[in-house]
Amino acid sequence: MEHFELKLDRLIREAIHLNATDLHFHQGVVIFRRHKSFLLEKKLQRYDEFYNFLKYKANIILDMHKKTQTGTLKHVIRNETYYLRLSILETHINAHAVLRILNIHPLNSLRDCGFQKHQINQIKQMFEKKHGLILFCGSTGSGKTTTMYCALNELKHKQIFTLENPIERYFSNLIQLEYKGSEFQDYLIQLLRHDPDILAIG
């Protein structure tokens, strides 16, 4: 187990050094990518064992095959906590996994996201409304979740709950819950009983 812990640590450190956002695991190799751009490919020793170790670390069911599964894990490097999401896709022939580093470039405010002052004011005004629905839409990796987190993080004196699958980053001023599959409806009913000012679903 310690051998695989060290191997994971080295891979994450190398990804950070390369400024890679994703590590793709497939057929014995790991491919480092940055937002769909190829960076580096490396062959891994004891690949199948390491693949199962990744699933274990991310709390993914080891003996569930021919299924898609998602899990999360945390890794600390030089007192910095990195949040990672592991996505698994398995068939009866092979398997593919993607490990995404969610906060390799941590953004905590709408200004960090690149919004101008007048745009930030418009977004805050939308969140001040007592009723309504705000949708964060875009392609994979476009910044939907990051923008939502940054917007919620700027709100003060609000009771904010999030319902996520999975939780990608943790914020002290948010009450964040993670649900699995059919749990969503039960969690939603319970949350509405707690009088949320804002309920974010991701």
C-alpha atoms as a PDB file:
ATOM      1  CA  MET A   1       0.000   0.000   0.000  1.00  0.00           C
ATOM      2  CA  GLU A   2       2.821   2.420   0.890  1.00  0.00           C
ATOM      3  CA  HIS A   3       4.412   1.774  -2.501  1.00  0.00           C
ATOM      4  CA  PHE A   4       1.237   2.916  -4.257  1.00  0.00           C
ATOM      5  CA  GLU A   5       0.866   5.934  -1.948  1.00  0.00           C
ATOM      6  CA  LEU A   6       4.343   7.063  -3.016  1.00  0.00           C
ATOM      7  CA  LYS A   7       3.570   6.392  -6.673  1.00  0.00           C
ATOM      8  CA  LEU A   8       0.373   8.476  -6.461  1.00  0.00           C
ATOM      9  CA  ASP A   9       2.269  11.273  -4.730  1.00  0.00           C
ATOM     10  CA  ARG A  10       4.914  11.320  -7.477  1.00  0.00           C
ATOM     11  CA  LEU A  11       2.258  11.392 -10.221  1.00  0.00           C
ATOM     12  CA  ILE A  12       0.381  14.285  -8.622  1.00  0.00           C
ATOM     13  CA  ARG A  13       3.602  16.230  -8.069  1.00  0.00           C
ATOM     14  CA  GLU A  14       4.577  15.673 -11.703  1.00  0.00           C
ATOM     15  CA  ALA A  15       1.119  16.771 -12.866  1.00  0.00           C
ATOM     16  CA  ILE A  16       1.411  19.983 -10.839  1.00  0.00           C
ATOM     17  CA  HIS A  17       4.891  20.589 -12.259  1.00  0.00           C
ATOM     18  CA  LEU A  18       3.540  20.117 -15.800  1.00  0.00           C
ATOM     19  CA  ASN A  19       0.472  22.241 -15.011  1.00  0.00           C
ATOM     20  CA  ALA A  20      -1.653  19.238 -16.007  1.00  0.00           C
ATOM     21  CA  THR A  21      -5.327  19.180 -15.029  1.00  0.00           C
ATOM     22  CA  ASP A  22      -6.042  15.523 -15.861  1.00  0.00           C
ATOM     23  CA  LEU A  23      -4.321  12.147 -15.626  1.00  0.00           C
ATOM     24  CA  HIS A  24      -5.786   9.473 -17.921  1.00  0.00           C
ATOM     25  CA  PHE A  25      -5.173   5.825 -16.996  1.00  0.00           C
ATOM     26  CA  HIS A  26      -5.648   3.236 -19.752  1.00  0.00           C
ATOM     27  CA  GLN A  27      -4.012  -0.040 -20.808  1.00  0.00           C
ATOM     28  CA  GLY A  28      -0.994   0.253 -18.544  1.00  0.00           C
ATOM     29  CA  VAL A  29      -0.108   3.884 -19.141  1.00  0.00           C
ATOM     30  CA  VAL A  30      -0.880   7.285 -17.618  1.00  0.00           C
ATOM     31  CA  ILE A  31      -1.324  10.270 -19.921  1.00  0.00           C
ATOM     32  CA  PHE A  32      -0.937  13.801 -18.560  1.00  0.00           C
ATOM     33  CA  ARG A  33      -3.273  16.307 -20.205  1.00  0.00           C
ATOM     34  CA  ARG A  34      -4.144  19.974 -19.758  1.00  0.00           C
ATOM     35  CA  HIS A  35      -7.689  20.805 -20.875  1.00  0.00           C
ATOM     36  CA  LYS A  36      -7.663  18.204 -23.699  1.00  0.00           C
ATOM     37  CA  SER A  37      -4.068  18.957 -24.748  1.00  0.00           C
ATOM     38  CA  PHE A  38      -1.547  16.084 -24.603  1.00  0.00           C
ATOM     39  CA  LEU A  39       1.480  16.701 -22.380  1.00  0.00           C
ATOM     40  CA  LEU A  40       3.198  13.406 -21.492  1.00  0.00           C
ATOM     41  CA  GLU A  41       2.699   9.626 -21.520  1.00  0.00           C
ATOM     42  CA  LYS A  42       4.313   7.194 -19.052  1.00  0.00           C
ATOM     43  CA  LYS A  43       4.124   3.433 -18.627  1.00  0.00           C
ATOM     44  CA  LEU A  44       3.155   2.267 -15.126  1.00  0.00           C
ATOM     45  CA  GLN A  45       4.487  -0.838 -13.381  1.00  0.00           C
ATOM     46  CA  ARG A  46       1.927  -3.056 -11.574  1.00  0.00           C
ATOM     47  CA  TYR A  47      -0.769  -1.108 -13.391  1.00  0.00           C
ATOM     48  CA  ASP A  48      -3.783  -3.264 -12.437  1.00  0.00           C
ATOM     49  CA  GLU A  49      -2.906  -3.114  -8.738  1.00  0.00           C
ATOM     50  CA  PHE A  50      -2.404   0.638  -8.874  1.00  0.00           C
ATOM     51  CA  TYR A  51      -5.699   1.068 -10.743  1.00  0.00           C
ATOM     52  CA  ASN A  52      -7.535  -0.761  -7.937  1.00  0.00           C
ATOM     53  CA  PHE A  53      -5.638   1.303  -5.355  1.00  0.00           C
ATOM     54  CA  LEU A  54      -6.969   4.480  -7.002  1.00  0.00           C
ATOM     55  CA  LYS A  55     -10.517   3.137  -6.798  1.00  0.00           C
ATOM     56  CA  TYR A  56     -10.005   2.276  -3.135  1.00  0.00           C
ATOM     57  CA  LYS A  57      -8.648   5.755  -2.338  1.00  0.00           C
ATOM     58  CA  ALA A  58     -11.635   7.400  -4.042  1.00  0.00           C
ATOM     59  CA  ASN A  59     -14.160   5.160  -2.205  1.00  0.00           C
ATOM     60  CA  ILE A  60     -15.231   3.501  -5.442  1.00  0.00           C
ATOM     61  CA  ILE A  61     -16.658  -0.018  -5.273  1.00  0.00           C
ATOM     62  CA  LEU A  62     -13.851  -2.340  -6.350  1.00  0.00           C
ATOM     63  CA  ASP A  63     -15.884  -5.296  -7.608  1.00  0.00           C
ATOM     64  CA  MET A  64     -18.487  -3.327  -9.544  1.00  0.00           C
ATOM     65  CA  HIS A  65     -17.623  -3.694 -13.221  1.00  0.00           C
ATOM     66  CA  LYS A  66     -19.258  -2.618 -16.489  1.00  0.00           C
ATOM     67  CA  LYS A  67     -20.368   0.544 -14.668  1.00  0.00           C
ATOM     68  CA  THR A  68     -19.457   4.206 -14.537  1.00  0.00           C
ATOM     69  CA  GLN A  69     -18.428   5.429 -11.092  1.00  0.00           C
ATOM     70  CA  THR A  70     -17.121   8.683  -9.638  1.00  0.00           C
ATOM     71  CA  GLY A  71     -15.278   9.298  -6.401  1.00  0.00           C
ATOM     72  CA  THR A  72     -13.146  11.944  -4.740  1.00  0.00           C
ATOM     73  CA  LEU A  73      -9.936  12.033  -2.743  1.00  0.00           C
ATOM     74  CA  LYS A  74      -7.654  14.585  -1.119  1.00  0.00           C
ATOM     75  CA  HIS A  75      -3.879  14.753  -1.289  1.00  0.00           C
ATOM     76  CA  VAL A  76      -1.584  17.070   0.676  1.00  0.00           C
ATOM     77  CA  ILE A  77       1.674  18.393  -0.795  1.00  0.00           C
ATOM     78  CA  ARG A  78       3.742  20.978   1.094  1.00  0.00           C
ATOM     79  CA  ASN A  79       0.785  21.863   3.341  1.00  0.00           C
ATOM     80  CA  GLU A  80      -1.428  22.471   0.287  1.00  0.00           C
ATOM     81  CA  THR A  81      -4.532  20.278   0.022  1.00  0.00           C
ATOM     82  CA  TYR A  82      -5.419  19.186  -3.501  1.00  0.00           C
ATOM     83  CA  TYR A  83      -8.918  17.932  -4.269  1.00  0.00           C
ATOM     84  CA  LEU A  84      -9.157  15.227  -6.911  1.00  0.00           C
ATOM     85  CA  ARG A  85     -12.038  13.577  -8.735  1.00  0.00           C
ATOM     86  CA  LEU A  86     -11.683  10.050 -10.107  1.00  0.00           C
ATOM     87  CA  SER A  87     -14.033   9.011 -12.929  1.00  0.00           C
ATOM     88  CA  ILE A  88     -14.168   5.338 -13.870  1.00  0.00           C
ATOM     89  CA  LEU A  89     -15.547   3.830 -17.094  1.00  0.00           C
ATOM     90  CA  GLU A  90     -15.382   0.049 -17.364  1.00  0.00           C
ATOM     91  CA  THR A  91     -16.499  -2.438 -20.035  1.00  0.00           C
ATOM     92  CA  HIS A  92     -16.210  -6.238 -20.176  1.00  0.00           C
ATOM     93  CA  ILE A  93     -12.897  -5.815 -22.060  1.00  0.00           C
ATOM     94  CA  ASN A  94     -11.025  -2.916 -20.471  1.00  0.00           C
ATOM     95  CA  ALA A  95     -11.256   0.137 -18.238  1.00  0.00           C
ATOM     96  CA  HIS A  96     -10.462   3.828 -18.417  1.00  0.00           C
ATOM     97  CA  ALA A  97      -9.976   6.241 -15.526  1.00  0.00           C
ATOM     98  CA  VAL A  98      -9.500   9.999 -15.350  1.00  0.00           C
ATOM     99  CA  LEU A  99      -8.062  11.698 -12.275  1.00  0.00           C
ATOM    100  CA  ARG A 100      -8.769  15.437 -12.357  1.00  0.00           C
ATOM    101  CA  ILE A 101      -6.964  17.905 -10.087  1.00  0.00           C
ATOM    102  CA  LEU A 102      -9.803  20.254  -9.249  1.00  0.00           C
ATOM    103  CA  ASN A 103      -7.905  23.077  -7.592  1.00  0.00           C
ATOM    104  CA  ILE A 104      -4.571  23.122  -9.371  1.00  0.00           C
ATOM    105  CA  HIS A 105      -5.267  26.826  -9.947  1.00  0.00           C
ATOM    106  CA  PRO A 106      -7.481  27.660  -6.950  1.00  0.00           C
ATOM    107  CA  LEU A 107      -9.930  30.479  -7.609  1.00  0.00           C
ATOM    108  CA  ASN A 108     -11.882  31.900  -4.687  1.00  0.00           C
ATOM    109  CA  SER A 109     -13.621  34.998  -6.051  1.00  0.00           C
ATOM    110  CA  LEU A 110     -15.469  36.109  -9.167  1.00  0.00           C
ATOM    111  CA  ARG A 111     -12.631  38.534  -9.857  1.00  0.00           C
ATOM    112  CA  ASP A 112     -10.237  35.544  -9.843  1.00  0.00           C
ATOM    113  CA  CYS A 113     -12.470  34.029 -12.551  1.00  0.00           C
ATOM    114  CA  GLY A 114     -11.914  37.059 -14.766  1.00  0.00           C
ATOM    115  CA  PHE A 115     -15.237  38.858 -14.323  1.00  0.00           C
ATOM    116  CA  GLN A 116     -15.272  42.656 -14.510  1.00  0.00           C
ATOM    117  CA  LYS A 117     -16.677  44.787 -11.681  1.00  0.00           C
ATOM    118  CA  HIS A 118     -20.011  45.489 -13.435  1.00  0.00           C
ATOM    119  CA  GLN A 119     -20.432  41.767 -14.202  1.00  0.00           C
ATOM    120  CA  ILE A 120     -19.733  40.847 -10.565  1.00  0.00           C
ATOM    121  CA  ASN A 121     -22.378  43.345  -9.434  1.00  0.00           C
ATOM    122  CA  GLN A 122     -24.903  41.832 -11.853  1.00  0.00           C
ATOM    123  CA  ILE A 123     -24.212  38.326 -10.572  1.00  0.00           C
ATOM    124  CA  LYS A 124     -24.508  39.422  -6.943  1.00  0.00           C
ATOM    125  CA  GLN A 125     -27.820  41.149  -7.710  1.00  0.00           C
ATOM    126  CA  MET A 126     -29.153  37.892  -9.151  1.00  0.00           C
ATOM    127  CA  PHE A 127     -28.208  36.041  -5.978  1.00  0.00           C
ATOM    128  CA  GLU A 128     -29.949  38.666  -3.829  1.00  0.00           C
ATOM    129  CA  LYS A 129     -33.347  37.881  -5.350  1.00  0.00           C
ATOM    130  CA  LYS A 130     -35.686  35.973  -3.025  1.00  0.00           C
ATOM    131  CA  HIS A 131     -36.899  33.599  -5.743  1.00  0.00           C
ATOM    132  CA  GLY A 132     -35.534  32.229  -8.979  1.00  0.00           C
ATOM    133  CA  LEU A 133     -33.216  29.759 -10.686  1.00  0.00           C
ATOM    134  CA  ILE A 134     -29.655  30.402 -11.851  1.00  0.00           C
ATOM    135  CA  LEU A 135     -28.070  27.891 -14.257  1.00  0.00           C
ATOM    136  CA  PHE A 136     -24.318  27.481 -14.783  1.00  0.00           C
ATOM    137  CA  CYS A 137     -23.915  25.964 -18.251  1.00  0.00           C
ATOM    138  CA  GLY A 138     -20.945  25.073 -20.416  1.00  0.00           C
ATOM    139  CA  SER A 139     -18.761  22.286 -21.748  1.00  0.00           C
ATOM    140  CA  THR A 140     -16.551  20.059 -19.582  1.00  0.00           C
ATOM    141  CA  GLY A 141     -13.726  22.054 -18.028  1.00  0.00           C
ATOM    142  CA  SER A 142     -15.236  25.447 -18.925  1.00  0.00           C
ATOM    143  CA  GLY A 143     -15.492  26.536 -15.287  1.00  0.00           C
ATOM    144  CA  LYS A 144     -19.139  25.954 -14.358  1.00  0.00           C
ATOM    145  CA  THR A 145     -18.503  24.569 -10.872  1.00  0.00           C
ATOM    146  CA  THR A 146     -15.619  26.956 -10.200  1.00  0.00           C
ATOM    147  CA  THR A 147     -17.791  29.974 -11.067  1.00  0.00           C
ATOM    148  CA  MET A 148     -20.633  28.678  -8.893  1.00  0.00           C
ATOM    149  CA  TYR A 149     -18.297  28.131  -5.939  1.00  0.00           C
ATOM    150  CA  CYS A 150     -16.749  31.592  -6.316  1.00  0.00           C
ATOM    151  CA  ALA A 151     -20.150  33.265  -6.499  1.00  0.00           C
ATOM    152  CA  LEU A 152     -21.413  31.428  -3.413  1.00  0.00           C
ATOM    153  CA  ASN A 153     -18.162  32.130  -1.562  1.00  0.00           C
ATOM    154  CA  GLU A 154     -18.695  35.881  -1.923  1.00  0.00           C
ATOM    155  CA  LEU A 155     -22.154  35.881  -0.358  1.00  0.00           C
ATOM    156  CA  LYS A 156     -22.371  36.965   3.272  1.00  0.00           C
ATOM    157  CA  HIS A 157     -25.091  36.451   5.877  1.00  0.00           C
ATOM    158  CA  LYS A 158     -26.776  33.756   3.800  1.00  0.00           C
ATOM    159  CA  GLN A 159     -27.670  30.209   4.758  1.00  0.00           C
ATOM    160  CA  ILE A 160     -26.310  28.284   1.788  1.00  0.00           C
ATOM    161  CA  PHE A 161     -26.592  24.528   1.272  1.00  0.00           C
ATOM    162  CA  THR A 162     -25.051  22.584  -1.579  1.00  0.00           C
ATOM    163  CA  LEU A 163     -26.090  19.141  -2.803  1.00  0.00           C
ATOM    164  CA  GLU A 164     -23.310  17.654  -4.912  1.00  0.00           C
ATOM    165  CA  ASN A 165     -22.152  14.462  -6.581  1.00  0.00           C
ATOM    166  CA  PRO A 166     -19.306  14.588  -5.794  1.00  0.00           C
ATOM    167  CA  ILE A 167     -18.169  17.553  -3.675  1.00  0.00           C
ATOM    168  CA  GLU A 168     -15.244  19.036  -5.604  1.00  0.00           C
ATOM    169  CA  ARG A 169     -14.033  21.674  -3.123  1.00  0.00           C
ATOM    170  CA  TYR A 170     -14.844  22.510   0.477  1.00  0.00           C
ATOM    171  CA  PHE A 171     -15.707  25.973   1.790  1.00  0.00           C
ATOM    172  CA  SER A 172     -16.164  26.837   5.465  1.00  0.00           C
ATOM    173  CA  ASN A 173     -19.113  29.169   4.822  1.00  0.00           C
ATOM    174  CA  LEU A 174     -21.133  26.560   2.888  1.00  0.00           C
ATOM    175  CA  ILE A 175     -23.016  23.548   4.240  1.00  0.00           C
ATOM    176  CA  GLN A 176     -22.071  20.923   1.670  1.00  0.00           C
ATOM    177  CA  LEU A 177     -23.686  17.505   1.327  1.00  0.00           C
ATOM    178  CA  GLU A 178     -22.721  14.701  -1.036  1.00  0.00           C
ATOM    179  CA  TYR A 179     -25.358  12.342  -2.386  1.00  0.00           C
ATOM    180  CA  LYS A 180     -25.227   9.013  -4.184  1.00  0.00           C
ATOM    181  CA  GLY A 181     -27.764   8.163  -6.876  1.00  0.00           C
ATOM    182  CA  SER A 182     -31.214   7.629  -5.384  1.00  0.00           C
ATOM    183  CA  GLU A 183     -30.357   9.628  -2.234  1.00  0.00           C
ATOM    184  CA  PHE A 184     -30.918  12.901  -4.081  1.00  0.00           C
ATOM    185  CA  GLN A 185     -34.671  13.147  -3.485  1.00  0.00           C
ATOM    186  CA  ASP A 186     -34.412  12.339   0.236  1.00  0.00           C
ATOM    187  CA  TYR A 187     -31.622  14.880   0.753  1.00  0.00           C
ATOM    188  CA  LEU A 188     -33.555  17.539  -1.159  1.00  0.00           C
ATOM    189  CA  ILE A 189     -36.668  17.066   0.989  1.00  0.00           C
ATOM    190  CA  GLN A 190     -34.612  17.319   4.180  1.00  0.00           C
ATOM    191  CA  LEU A 191     -32.710  20.403   3.031  1.00  0.00           C
ATOM    192  CA  LEU A 192     -35.900  22.309   2.261  1.00  0.00           C
ATOM    193  CA  ARG A 193     -36.909  21.830   5.910  1.00  0.00           C
ATOM    194  CA  HIS A 194     -33.812  23.784   6.992  1.00  0.00           C
ATOM    195  CA  ASP A 195     -34.969  27.056   5.403  1.00  0.00           C
ATOM    196  CA  PRO A 196     -32.052  27.595   2.991  1.00  0.00           C
ATOM    197  CA  ASP A 197     -31.569  31.047   1.501  1.00  0.00           C
ATOM    198  CA  ILE A 198     -29.779  29.408  -1.405  1.00  0.00           C
ATOM    199  CA  LEU A 199     -29.686  25.774  -2.486  1.00  0.00           C
ATOM    200  CA  ALA A 200     -26.954  24.917  -4.994  1.00  0.00           C
ATOM    201  CA  ILE A 201     -27.062  21.608  -6.876  1.00  0.00           C
ATOM    202  CA  GLY A 202     -24.049  20.296  -8.740  1.00  0.00           C
END
